[in-house]
Amino acid sequence: MSIFDKRLILVCGKGGVGRSTVAATIAMTCARRGRTTLLYQTNANDRIGGVFGTEPVGPAIRELAPRLAAVNTTAAAALAEYGMMILKLKTVYDMVFENRVTKAFLRAIPGLDDYALLGKAWYHTTEERRGKLAWDTVVFDLPASGHSLSMLRIPWVILDTVPEGPLTRDARDVKALLMDPARTAAVVVTLAEEMPVNEARELDGHLRAPLGIVPQLLVVNQVMPEVFPPGAPQRVLAALRDDPTLPPLLAAVTRHAELMRQRRALSERYLAELRSWAQTPIAELPMLFRSRFDVRALEELAGPLAAL
């Protein structure tokens, strides 16, 4: 089964590796394959609305394209939504959740904010409208690596420490979903650089043990293209970069060509390292040289993903 056919897709990775871009690309691909898809983000600096030419995405679900919607929620919004689902009436909700004593109590519960955010993602995988699932796929753009691992661990912590009741019942369902490779796919995003590669390896290991969440795809983002393959005329020019007789403009071009060659060589080095330990398919997404990042940019990135 393709990752695009899963109920929940967890997109994980170090900050700055383009995790949100990859999550948006996966969500768009799911939608274009006919699946009603929700891109789920938490506390994100919204760029998705701009990519799809819509208003900024916030705690209210916003349609981005046919079969594709997004939400960018906060812990407070997720808790409020949960409270309304339980208490039904706004007046009752205000009496319980909006008084100072309850607010202080909720703030004192370790991990509650993260569990509210994780629980909302799980809820959307089960949400129904008119007797049918509202979403075929939820793509969860998780926070950066360390935060995402602590968030994903919460169901395990609840089941180990909380007496049996409604909270443990839901935690058991969330845990079962996260550990089920038939319903859930974890995608690890990295760059072909030293620190991101090291962190991707650690993240892959921590997901597998002790959580039992098996990554099903490793995405290497922003891979420098092979612009100057061996034997290309540009490689010959690059070899002349230190020739003092070169005209200034040509000298600048040769220096740039050599920089591109070096960056590609660095990418190849870390791609080889990734391949040496990865236990999943690897998708290489190209570096895009664009002044404006829009849906067409996502379409360029979707090609290598859709080929898997």
C-alpha atoms as a PDB file:
ATOM      1  CA  MET A   1       0.000   0.000   0.000  1.00  0.00           C
ATOM      2  CA  SER A   2       1.276   3.468  -0.914  1.00  0.00           C
ATOM      3  CA  ILE A   3       1.813   6.023   1.851  1.00  0.00           C
ATOM      4  CA  PHE A   4      -0.757   8.172   0.013  1.00  0.00           C
ATOM      5  CA  ASP A   5      -3.447   5.618   0.879  1.00  0.00           C
ATOM      6  CA  LYS A   6      -2.914   5.820   4.661  1.00  0.00           C
ATOM      7  CA  ARG A   7      -5.385   7.290   7.128  1.00  0.00           C
ATOM      8  CA  LEU A   8      -2.675   9.285   8.973  1.00  0.00           C
ATOM      9  CA  ILE A   9       0.663  10.503   7.620  1.00  0.00           C
ATOM     10  CA  LEU A  10       3.141  11.819  10.195  1.00  0.00           C
ATOM     11  CA  VAL A  11       5.705  14.203   8.686  1.00  0.00           C
ATOM     12  CA  CYS A  12       8.675  14.532  11.054  1.00  0.00           C
ATOM     13  CA  GLY A  13      12.083  16.175  10.906  1.00  0.00           C
ATOM     14  CA  LYS A  14      14.524  18.705  12.252  1.00  0.00           C
ATOM     15  CA  GLY A  15      13.549  22.369  12.113  1.00  0.00           C
ATOM     16  CA  GLY A  16      14.582  24.074   8.887  1.00  0.00           C
ATOM     17  CA  VAL A  17      14.585  21.017   6.614  1.00  0.00           C
ATOM     18  CA  GLY A  18      11.388  21.990   4.762  1.00  0.00           C
ATOM     19  CA  ARG A  19       9.092  19.679   6.713  1.00  0.00           C
ATOM     20  CA  SER A  20       6.005  21.850   6.127  1.00  0.00           C
ATOM     21  CA  THR A  21       6.728  22.038   2.396  1.00  0.00           C
ATOM     22  CA  VAL A  22       6.980  18.256   2.201  1.00  0.00           C
ATOM     23  CA  ALA A  23       3.780  17.864   4.242  1.00  0.00           C
ATOM     24  CA  ALA A  24       1.937  20.221   1.879  1.00  0.00           C
ATOM     25  CA  THR A  25       3.278  18.329  -1.142  1.00  0.00           C
ATOM     26  CA  ILE A  26       2.153  14.981   0.289  1.00  0.00           C
ATOM     27  CA  ALA A  27      -1.286  16.402   1.161  1.00  0.00           C
ATOM     28  CA  MET A  28      -1.723  17.856  -2.335  1.00  0.00           C
ATOM     29  CA  THR A  29      -0.688  14.532  -3.881  1.00  0.00           C
ATOM     30  CA  CYS A  30      -3.210  12.631  -1.741  1.00  0.00           C
ATOM     31  CA  ALA A  31      -5.974  15.027  -2.789  1.00  0.00           C
ATOM     32  CA  ARG A  32      -5.101  14.713  -6.463  1.00  0.00           C
ATOM     33  CA  ARG A  33      -5.273  10.948  -6.128  1.00  0.00           C
ATOM     34  CA  GLY A  34      -8.920  11.334  -5.120  1.00  0.00           C
ATOM     35  CA  ARG A  35      -8.580  11.272  -1.325  1.00  0.00           C
ATOM     36  CA  THR A  36     -10.301  13.929   0.770  1.00  0.00           C
ATOM     37  CA  THR A  37      -7.295  15.262   2.674  1.00  0.00           C
ATOM     38  CA  LEU A  38      -6.689  17.492   5.684  1.00  0.00           C
ATOM     39  CA  LEU A  39      -3.282  19.124   6.156  1.00  0.00           C
ATOM     40  CA  TYR A  40      -2.991  19.451   9.942  1.00  0.00           C
ATOM     41  CA  GLN A  41      -0.523  21.951  11.412  1.00  0.00           C
ATOM     42  CA  THR A  42       0.050  23.232  14.934  1.00  0.00           C
ATOM     43  CA  ASN A  43       1.370  26.680  15.876  1.00  0.00           C
ATOM     44  CA  ALA A  44       2.911  27.053  12.411  1.00  0.00           C
ATOM     45  CA  ASN A  45       4.011  30.305  10.802  1.00  0.00           C
ATOM     46  CA  ASP A  46       1.464  30.150   8.036  1.00  0.00           C
ATOM     47  CA  ARG A  47       2.812  29.957   4.499  1.00  0.00           C
ATOM     48  CA  ILE A  48       0.385  27.370   3.156  1.00  0.00           C
ATOM     49  CA  GLY A  49      -2.382  29.879   2.482  1.00  0.00           C
ATOM     50  CA  GLY A  50      -0.015  31.930   0.333  1.00  0.00           C
ATOM     51  CA  VAL A  51       1.158  28.861  -1.590  1.00  0.00           C
ATOM     52  CA  PHE A  52      -2.428  28.017  -2.553  1.00  0.00           C
ATOM     53  CA  GLY A  53      -3.510  31.646  -3.003  1.00  0.00           C
ATOM     54  CA  THR A  54      -5.975  31.655  -0.089  1.00  0.00           C
ATOM     55  CA  GLU A  55      -6.277  33.586   3.148  1.00  0.00           C
ATOM     56  CA  PRO A  56      -3.910  32.541   5.976  1.00  0.00           C
ATOM     57  CA  VAL A  57      -4.774  29.188   7.554  1.00  0.00           C
ATOM     58  CA  GLY A  58      -5.791  29.325  11.228  1.00  0.00           C
ATOM     59  CA  PRO A  59      -7.723  27.214  13.758  1.00  0.00           C
ATOM     60  CA  ALA A  60     -10.763  27.079  11.459  1.00  0.00           C
ATOM     61  CA  ILE A  61     -10.518  24.522   8.654  1.00  0.00           C
ATOM     62  CA  ARG A  62      -9.941  26.275   5.322  1.00  0.00           C
ATOM     63  CA  GLU A  63     -10.355  24.788   1.856  1.00  0.00           C
ATOM     64  CA  LEU A  64      -7.207  25.062  -0.262  1.00  0.00           C
ATOM     65  CA  ALA A  65      -8.130  23.126  -3.394  1.00  0.00           C
ATOM     66  CA  PRO A  66     -10.551  20.392  -4.483  1.00  0.00           C
ATOM     67  CA  ARG A  67     -10.497  17.605  -1.845  1.00  0.00           C
ATOM     68  CA  LEU A  68      -7.799  19.494   0.105  1.00  0.00           C
ATOM     69  CA  ALA A  69      -8.226  21.555   3.266  1.00  0.00           C
ATOM     70  CA  ALA A  70      -5.919  22.727   6.042  1.00  0.00           C
ATOM     71  CA  VAL A  71      -6.041  23.744   9.672  1.00  0.00           C
ATOM     72  CA  ASN A  72      -3.352  25.435  11.757  1.00  0.00           C
ATOM     73  CA  THR A  73      -4.464  25.055  15.348  1.00  0.00           C
ATOM     74  CA  THR A  74      -3.172  25.957  18.789  1.00  0.00           C
ATOM     75  CA  ALA A  75      -3.375  24.072  22.055  1.00  0.00           C
ATOM     76  CA  ALA A  76      -5.934  26.562  23.389  1.00  0.00           C
ATOM     77  CA  ALA A  77      -8.131  26.133  20.315  1.00  0.00           C
ATOM     78  CA  ALA A  78      -7.819  22.332  20.471  1.00  0.00           C
ATOM     79  CA  LEU A  79      -8.774  22.279  24.162  1.00  0.00           C
ATOM     80  CA  ALA A  80     -11.733  24.565  23.511  1.00  0.00           C
ATOM     81  CA  GLU A  81     -12.917  22.318  20.697  1.00  0.00           C
ATOM     82  CA  TYR A  82     -12.570  19.258  22.931  1.00  0.00           C
ATOM     83  CA  GLY A  83     -14.481  20.991  25.726  1.00  0.00           C
ATOM     84  CA  MET A  84     -17.314  21.901  23.396  1.00  0.00           C
ATOM     85  CA  MET A  85     -17.532  18.316  22.106  1.00  0.00           C
ATOM     86  CA  ILE A  86     -17.929  17.062  25.676  1.00  0.00           C
ATOM     87  CA  LEU A  87     -20.125  19.787  27.155  1.00  0.00           C
ATOM     88  CA  LYS A  88     -22.117  20.599  23.987  1.00  0.00           C
ATOM     89  CA  LEU A  89     -23.437  23.991  25.157  1.00  0.00           C
ATOM     90  CA  LYS A  90     -21.344  27.158  24.926  1.00  0.00           C
ATOM     91  CA  THR A  91     -22.748  28.468  28.205  1.00  0.00           C
ATOM     92  CA  VAL A  92     -21.755  25.291  30.036  1.00  0.00           C
ATOM     93  CA  TYR A  93     -18.333  25.346  28.351  1.00  0.00           C
ATOM     94  CA  ASP A  94     -17.740  28.919  29.535  1.00  0.00           C
ATOM     95  CA  MET A  95     -18.719  27.988  33.109  1.00  0.00           C
ATOM     96  CA  VAL A  96     -16.299  25.047  33.198  1.00  0.00           C
ATOM     97  CA  PHE A  97     -13.346  25.967  30.972  1.00  0.00           C
ATOM     98  CA  GLU A  98     -13.310  29.755  31.159  1.00  0.00           C
ATOM     99  CA  ASN A  99     -13.143  30.182  34.917  1.00  0.00           C
ATOM    100  CA  ARG A 100      -9.798  30.988  36.542  1.00  0.00           C
ATOM    101  CA  VAL A 101      -9.604  27.893  38.718  1.00  0.00           C
ATOM    102  CA  THR A 102     -10.075  25.493  35.801  1.00  0.00           C
ATOM    103  CA  LYS A 103      -7.618  27.406  33.610  1.00  0.00           C
ATOM    104  CA  ALA A 104      -4.960  27.303  36.328  1.00  0.00           C
ATOM    105  CA  PHE A 105      -5.565  23.575  36.831  1.00  0.00           C
ATOM    106  CA  LEU A 106      -5.297  22.822  33.117  1.00  0.00           C
ATOM    107  CA  ARG A 107      -2.076  24.812  32.783  1.00  0.00           C
ATOM    108  CA  ALA A 108      -0.569  22.723  35.600  1.00  0.00           C
ATOM    109  CA  ILE A 109      -1.102  19.363  33.842  1.00  0.00           C
ATOM    110  CA  PRO A 110       2.192  18.307  32.159  1.00  0.00           C
ATOM    111  CA  GLY A 111       1.840  17.530  28.471  1.00  0.00           C
ATOM    112  CA  LEU A 112      -1.813  18.531  28.258  1.00  0.00           C
ATOM    113  CA  ASP A 113      -1.237  21.020  25.442  1.00  0.00           C
ATOM    114  CA  ASP A 114       0.616  18.464  23.330  1.00  0.00           C
ATOM    115  CA  TYR A 115      -1.980  15.788  24.027  1.00  0.00           C
ATOM    116  CA  ALA A 116      -4.752  18.179  22.976  1.00  0.00           C
ATOM    117  CA  LEU A 117      -2.951  18.777  19.663  1.00  0.00           C
ATOM    118  CA  LEU A 118      -2.238  15.083  19.081  1.00  0.00           C
ATOM    119  CA  GLY A 119      -5.764  14.158  20.120  1.00  0.00           C
ATOM    120  CA  LYS A 120      -7.268  16.602  17.649  1.00  0.00           C
ATOM    121  CA  ALA A 121      -5.253  14.991  14.838  1.00  0.00           C
ATOM    122  CA  TRP A 122      -6.567  11.581  15.921  1.00  0.00           C
ATOM    123  CA  TYR A 123     -10.114  12.947  16.121  1.00  0.00           C
ATOM    124  CA  HIS A 124      -9.950  14.113  12.499  1.00  0.00           C
ATOM    125  CA  THR A 125      -8.995  10.571  11.424  1.00  0.00           C
ATOM    126  CA  THR A 126     -12.274   9.385  12.961  1.00  0.00           C
ATOM    127  CA  GLU A 127     -14.462  12.429  12.238  1.00  0.00           C
ATOM    128  CA  GLU A 128     -17.692  11.639  10.421  1.00  0.00           C
ATOM    129  CA  ARG A 129     -20.156  13.671   8.393  1.00  0.00           C
ATOM    130  CA  ARG A 130     -23.492  12.184   7.399  1.00  0.00           C
ATOM    131  CA  GLY A 131     -22.336   8.725   8.365  1.00  0.00           C
ATOM    132  CA  LYS A 132     -19.102   8.841   6.327  1.00  0.00           C
ATOM    133  CA  LEU A 133     -15.522   9.652   7.224  1.00  0.00           C
ATOM    134  CA  ALA A 134     -14.912  13.364   6.760  1.00  0.00           C
ATOM    135  CA  TRP A 135     -11.261  12.789   5.759  1.00  0.00           C
ATOM    136  CA  ASP A 136      -9.677   9.902   3.925  1.00  0.00           C
ATOM    137  CA  THR A 137      -6.216  11.114   4.972  1.00  0.00           C
ATOM    138  CA  VAL A 138      -4.875  13.468   7.631  1.00  0.00           C
ATOM    139  CA  VAL A 139      -1.331  14.731   6.976  1.00  0.00           C
ATOM    140  CA  PHE A 140       0.157  15.842  10.304  1.00  0.00           C
ATOM    141  CA  ASP A 141       2.959  18.392   9.939  1.00  0.00           C
ATOM    142  CA  LEU A 142       4.550  17.661  13.315  1.00  0.00           C
ATOM    143  CA  PRO A 143       6.750  20.086  15.274  1.00  0.00           C
ATOM    144  CA  ALA A 144      10.554  19.781  15.128  1.00  0.00           C
ATOM    145  CA  SER A 145      12.114  16.415  16.054  1.00  0.00           C
ATOM    146  CA  GLY A 146      12.509  16.635  19.848  1.00  0.00           C
ATOM    147  CA  HIS A 147       9.098  18.209  20.372  1.00  0.00           C
ATOM    148  CA  SER A 148       7.387  15.760  18.034  1.00  0.00           C
ATOM    149  CA  LEU A 149       8.850  12.766  19.885  1.00  0.00           C
ATOM    150  CA  SER A 150       7.638  14.072  23.253  1.00  0.00           C
ATOM    151  CA  MET A 151       4.192  14.687  21.735  1.00  0.00           C
ATOM    152  CA  LEU A 152       3.972  11.209  20.226  1.00  0.00           C
ATOM    153  CA  ARG A 153       5.032   9.580  23.534  1.00  0.00           C
ATOM    154  CA  ILE A 154       2.102  11.019  25.488  1.00  0.00           C
ATOM    155  CA  PRO A 155      -0.363   8.124  24.889  1.00  0.00           C
ATOM    156  CA  TRP A 156       2.243   5.706  26.292  1.00  0.00           C
ATOM    157  CA  VAL A 157       2.749   7.943  29.366  1.00  0.00           C
ATOM    158  CA  ILE A 158      -1.007   8.214  29.976  1.00  0.00           C
ATOM    159  CA  LEU A 159      -1.499   4.452  29.763  1.00  0.00           C
ATOM    160  CA  ASP A 160       1.375   3.912  32.204  1.00  0.00           C
ATOM    161  CA  THR A 161       0.314   6.500  34.791  1.00  0.00           C
ATOM    162  CA  VAL A 162      -3.397   7.382  34.587  1.00  0.00           C
ATOM    163  CA  PRO A 163      -6.177   5.245  36.137  1.00  0.00           C
ATOM    164  CA  GLU A 164      -8.511   3.520  33.716  1.00  0.00           C
ATOM    165  CA  GLY A 165     -11.174   5.864  32.322  1.00  0.00           C
ATOM    166  CA  PRO A 166     -12.097   8.015  29.311  1.00  0.00           C
ATOM    167  CA  LEU A 167      -8.583   9.479  29.034  1.00  0.00           C
ATOM    168  CA  THR A 168      -6.916   6.072  28.906  1.00  0.00           C
ATOM    169  CA  ARG A 169      -9.542   4.788  26.458  1.00  0.00           C
ATOM    170  CA  ASP A 170      -8.708   7.539  23.972  1.00  0.00           C
ATOM    171  CA  ALA A 171      -4.966   7.186  24.608  1.00  0.00           C
ATOM    172  CA  ARG A 172      -5.221   3.480  23.805  1.00  0.00           C
ATOM    173  CA  ASP A 173      -6.949   4.280  20.497  1.00  0.00           C
ATOM    174  CA  VAL A 174      -4.335   6.923  19.614  1.00  0.00           C
ATOM    175  CA  LYS A 175      -1.488   4.529  20.425  1.00  0.00           C
ATOM    176  CA  ALA A 176      -3.064   1.772  18.323  1.00  0.00           C
ATOM    177  CA  LEU A 177      -3.401   4.155  15.369  1.00  0.00           C
ATOM    178  CA  LEU A 178       0.198   5.388  15.632  1.00  0.00           C
ATOM    179  CA  MET A 179       1.583   1.853  15.748  1.00  0.00           C
ATOM    180  CA  ASP A 180      -0.543   0.470  12.905  1.00  0.00           C
ATOM    181  CA  PRO A 181       1.468   0.578   9.634  1.00  0.00           C
ATOM    182  CA  ALA A 182      -1.679  -0.276   7.676  1.00  0.00           C
ATOM    183  CA  ARG A 183      -3.272   3.012   8.743  1.00  0.00           C
ATOM    184  CA  THR A 184      -0.330   5.251   9.629  1.00  0.00           C
ATOM    185  CA  ALA A 185       2.840   6.173   7.748  1.00  0.00           C
ATOM    186  CA  ALA A 186       5.720   8.099   9.330  1.00  0.00           C
ATOM    187  CA  VAL A 187       7.781  10.196   6.911  1.00  0.00           C
ATOM    188  CA  VAL A 188      11.179  11.505   8.046  1.00  0.00           C
ATOM    189  CA  VAL A 189      12.400  14.654   6.281  1.00  0.00           C
ATOM    190  CA  THR A 190      16.046  15.698   6.165  1.00  0.00           C
ATOM    191  CA  LEU A 191      18.652  17.562   4.119  1.00  0.00           C
ATOM    192  CA  ALA A 192      21.810  16.087   2.596  1.00  0.00           C
ATOM    193  CA  GLU A 193      23.922  17.817   5.251  1.00  0.00           C
ATOM    194  CA  GLU A 194      25.763  16.581   8.340  1.00  0.00           C
ATOM    195  CA  MET A 195      23.555  17.758  11.227  1.00  0.00           C
ATOM    196  CA  PRO A 196      20.180  17.010   9.579  1.00  0.00           C
ATOM    197  CA  VAL A 197      21.399  13.541   8.527  1.00  0.00           C
ATOM    198  CA  ASN A 198      22.575  12.747  12.070  1.00  0.00           C
ATOM    199  CA  GLU A 199      19.295  13.961  13.548  1.00  0.00           C
ATOM    200  CA  ALA A 200      17.261  12.017  10.959  1.00  0.00           C
ATOM    201  CA  ARG A 201      19.058   8.827  11.970  1.00  0.00           C
ATOM    202  CA  GLU A 202      18.340   9.488  15.658  1.00  0.00           C
ATOM    203  CA  LEU A 203      14.706  10.333  14.915  1.00  0.00           C
ATOM    204  CA  ASP A 204      14.280   7.160  12.860  1.00  0.00           C
ATOM    205  CA  GLY A 205      15.638   5.108  15.743  1.00  0.00           C
ATOM    206  CA  HIS A 206      13.511   6.805  18.421  1.00  0.00           C
ATOM    207  CA  LEU A 207      10.353   6.309  16.370  1.00  0.00           C
ATOM    208  CA  ARG A 208      11.067   2.606  15.973  1.00  0.00           C
ATOM    209  CA  ALA A 209      12.001   1.993  19.623  1.00  0.00           C
ATOM    210  CA  PRO A 210      10.440   2.390  22.061  1.00  0.00           C
ATOM    211  CA  LEU A 211       7.405   3.803  20.236  1.00  0.00           C
ATOM    212  CA  GLY A 212       7.037   1.104  17.608  1.00  0.00           C
ATOM    213  CA  ILE A 213       6.233   3.662  14.891  1.00  0.00           C
ATOM    214  CA  VAL A 214       8.002   2.367  11.790  1.00  0.00           C
ATOM    215  CA  PRO A 215       9.019   5.087   9.280  1.00  0.00           C
ATOM    216  CA  GLN A 216       7.928   4.199   5.774  1.00  0.00           C
ATOM    217  CA  LEU A 217       9.684   6.933   3.781  1.00  0.00           C
ATOM    218  CA  LEU A 218      12.805   9.075   4.095  1.00  0.00           C
ATOM    219  CA  VAL A 219      12.610  12.360   2.172  1.00  0.00           C
ATOM    220  CA  VAL A 220      15.832  14.205   1.366  1.00  0.00           C
ATOM    221  CA  ASN A 221      14.802  17.765   0.600  1.00  0.00           C
ATOM    222  CA  GLN A 222      16.647  20.467  -1.351  1.00  0.00           C
ATOM    223  CA  VAL A 223      19.099  18.132  -3.084  1.00  0.00           C
ATOM    224  CA  MET A 224      21.521  20.129  -5.217  1.00  0.00           C
ATOM    225  CA  PRO A 225      21.159  19.058  -8.871  1.00  0.00           C
ATOM    226  CA  GLU A 226      24.023  17.648 -10.907  1.00  0.00           C
ATOM    227  CA  VAL A 227      24.370  20.745 -13.075  1.00  0.00           C
ATOM    228  CA  PHE A 228      27.868  19.980 -14.310  1.00  0.00           C
ATOM    229  CA  PRO A 229      28.291  16.231 -14.858  1.00  0.00           C
ATOM    230  CA  PRO A 230      31.782  14.842 -15.556  1.00  0.00           C
ATOM    231  CA  GLY A 231      32.945  15.718 -19.076  1.00  0.00           C
ATOM    232  CA  ALA A 232      30.579  18.671 -19.460  1.00  0.00           C
ATOM    233  CA  PRO A 233      32.107  21.844 -20.963  1.00  0.00           C
ATOM    234  CA  GLN A 234      31.274  23.709 -17.781  1.00  0.00           C
ATOM    235  CA  ARG A 235      33.564  21.331 -15.828  1.00  0.00           C
ATOM    236  CA  VAL A 236      36.416  22.342 -18.104  1.00  0.00           C
ATOM    237  CA  LEU A 237      35.671  26.014 -17.457  1.00  0.00           C
ATOM    238  CA  ALA A 238      35.468  25.389 -13.736  1.00  0.00           C
ATOM    239  CA  ALA A 239      39.000  23.983 -13.811  1.00  0.00           C
ATOM    240  CA  LEU A 240      40.189  27.348 -15.148  1.00  0.00           C
ATOM    241  CA  ARG A 241      38.706  29.366 -12.274  1.00  0.00           C
ATOM    242  CA  ASP A 242      42.135  30.447 -10.961  1.00  0.00           C
ATOM    243  CA  ASP A 243      43.509  31.414 -14.382  1.00  0.00           C
ATOM    244  CA  PRO A 244      44.506  35.116 -14.034  1.00  0.00           C
ATOM    245  CA  THR A 245      44.014  35.684 -17.766  1.00  0.00           C
ATOM    246  CA  LEU A 246      40.256  35.017 -17.649  1.00  0.00           C
ATOM    247  CA  PRO A 247      37.974  38.031 -18.219  1.00  0.00           C
ATOM    248  CA  PRO A 248      36.264  39.084 -14.948  1.00  0.00           C
ATOM    249  CA  LEU A 249      32.774  37.961 -16.029  1.00  0.00           C
ATOM    250  CA  LEU A 250      33.990  34.547 -17.157  1.00  0.00           C
ATOM    251  CA  ALA A 251      36.016  34.202 -13.957  1.00  0.00           C
ATOM    252  CA  ALA A 252      32.870  34.868 -11.911  1.00  0.00           C
ATOM    253  CA  VAL A 253      30.962  32.227 -13.899  1.00  0.00           C
ATOM    254  CA  THR A 254      33.692  29.634 -13.349  1.00  0.00           C
ATOM    255  CA  ARG A 255      33.775  30.338  -9.601  1.00  0.00           C
ATOM    256  CA  HIS A 256      30.008  29.871  -9.426  1.00  0.00           C
ATOM    257  CA  ALA A 257      30.272  26.662 -11.429  1.00  0.00           C
ATOM    258  CA  GLU A 258      32.858  25.311  -9.007  1.00  0.00           C
ATOM    259  CA  LEU A 259      30.676  26.219  -6.014  1.00  0.00           C
ATOM    260  CA  MET A 260      27.746  24.339  -7.571  1.00  0.00           C
ATOM    261  CA  ARG A 261      29.986  21.342  -8.207  1.00  0.00           C
ATOM    262  CA  GLN A 262      31.216  21.339  -4.603  1.00  0.00           C
ATOM    263  CA  ARG A 263      27.693  21.562  -3.204  1.00  0.00           C
ATOM    264  CA  ARG A 264      26.617  18.652  -5.394  1.00  0.00           C
ATOM    265  CA  ALA A 265      29.602  16.623  -4.188  1.00  0.00           C
ATOM    266  CA  LEU A 266      28.593  17.361  -0.589  1.00  0.00           C
ATOM    267  CA  SER A 267      25.029  16.233  -1.324  1.00  0.00           C
ATOM    268  CA  GLU A 268      26.329  12.992  -2.827  1.00  0.00           C
ATOM    269  CA  ARG A 269      28.446  12.328   0.262  1.00  0.00           C
ATOM    270  CA  TYR A 270      25.513  12.592   2.661  1.00  0.00           C
ATOM    271  CA  LEU A 271      23.120  10.792   0.321  1.00  0.00           C
ATOM    272  CA  ALA A 272      25.534   7.861   0.400  1.00  0.00           C
ATOM    273  CA  GLU A 273      25.555   8.000   4.207  1.00  0.00           C
ATOM    274  CA  LEU A 274      21.741   7.996   4.301  1.00  0.00           C
ATOM    275  CA  ARG A 275      21.583   5.007   1.981  1.00  0.00           C
ATOM    276  CA  SER A 276      24.006   3.106   4.225  1.00  0.00           C
ATOM    277  CA  TRP A 277      21.546   2.961   7.146  1.00  0.00           C
ATOM    278  CA  ALA A 278      18.078   3.775   5.805  1.00  0.00           C
ATOM    279  CA  GLN A 279      15.573   0.937   6.092  1.00  0.00           C
ATOM    280  CA  THR A 280      12.945   2.715   3.989  1.00  0.00           C
ATOM    281  CA  PRO A 281      12.656   4.012   0.427  1.00  0.00           C
ATOM    282  CA  ILE A 282      14.415   7.358  -0.096  1.00  0.00           C
ATOM    283  CA  ALA A 283      12.852  10.193  -2.108  1.00  0.00           C
ATOM    284  CA  GLU A 284      15.200  12.935  -3.302  1.00  0.00           C
ATOM    285  CA  LEU A 285      13.491  16.296  -3.804  1.00  0.00           C
ATOM    286  CA  PRO A 286      15.404  18.846  -5.861  1.00  0.00           C
ATOM    287  CA  MET A 287      16.513  22.280  -4.752  1.00  0.00           C
ATOM    288  CA  LEU A 288      14.113  24.713  -6.435  1.00  0.00           C
ATOM    289  CA  PHE A 289      15.476  28.032  -7.637  1.00  0.00           C
ATOM    290  CA  ARG A 290      12.325  30.147  -7.590  1.00  0.00           C
ATOM    291  CA  SER A 291      11.511  33.710  -6.654  1.00  0.00           C
ATOM    292  CA  ARG A 292       7.942  32.687  -5.742  1.00  0.00           C
ATOM    293  CA  PHE A 293       6.882  29.464  -4.091  1.00  0.00           C
ATOM    294  CA  ASP A 294       3.424  28.380  -5.227  1.00  0.00           C
ATOM    295  CA  VAL A 295       1.425  25.317  -6.228  1.00  0.00           C
ATOM    296  CA  ARG A 296       3.584  24.800  -9.312  1.00  0.00           C
ATOM    297  CA  ALA A 297       6.596  24.471  -7.031  1.00  0.00           C
ATOM    298  CA  LEU A 298       4.782  21.776  -5.050  1.00  0.00           C
ATOM    299  CA  GLU A 299       3.996  20.021  -8.314  1.00  0.00           C
ATOM    300  CA  GLU A 300       7.721  19.882  -9.124  1.00  0.00           C
ATOM    301  CA  LEU A 301       8.371  18.280  -5.757  1.00  0.00           C
ATOM    302  CA  ALA A 302       5.440  15.880  -6.098  1.00  0.00           C
ATOM    303  CA  GLY A 303       7.008  14.057  -9.054  1.00  0.00           C
ATOM    304  CA  PRO A 304       9.714  12.179  -7.102  1.00  0.00           C
ATOM    305  CA  LEU A 305       7.203  11.364  -4.345  1.00  0.00           C
ATOM    306  CA  ALA A 306       4.487  10.121  -6.686  1.00  0.00           C
ATOM    307  CA  ALA A 307       7.016   7.847  -8.435  1.00  0.00           C
ATOM    308  CA  LEU A 308       7.450   5.752  -5.282  1.00  0.00           C
END
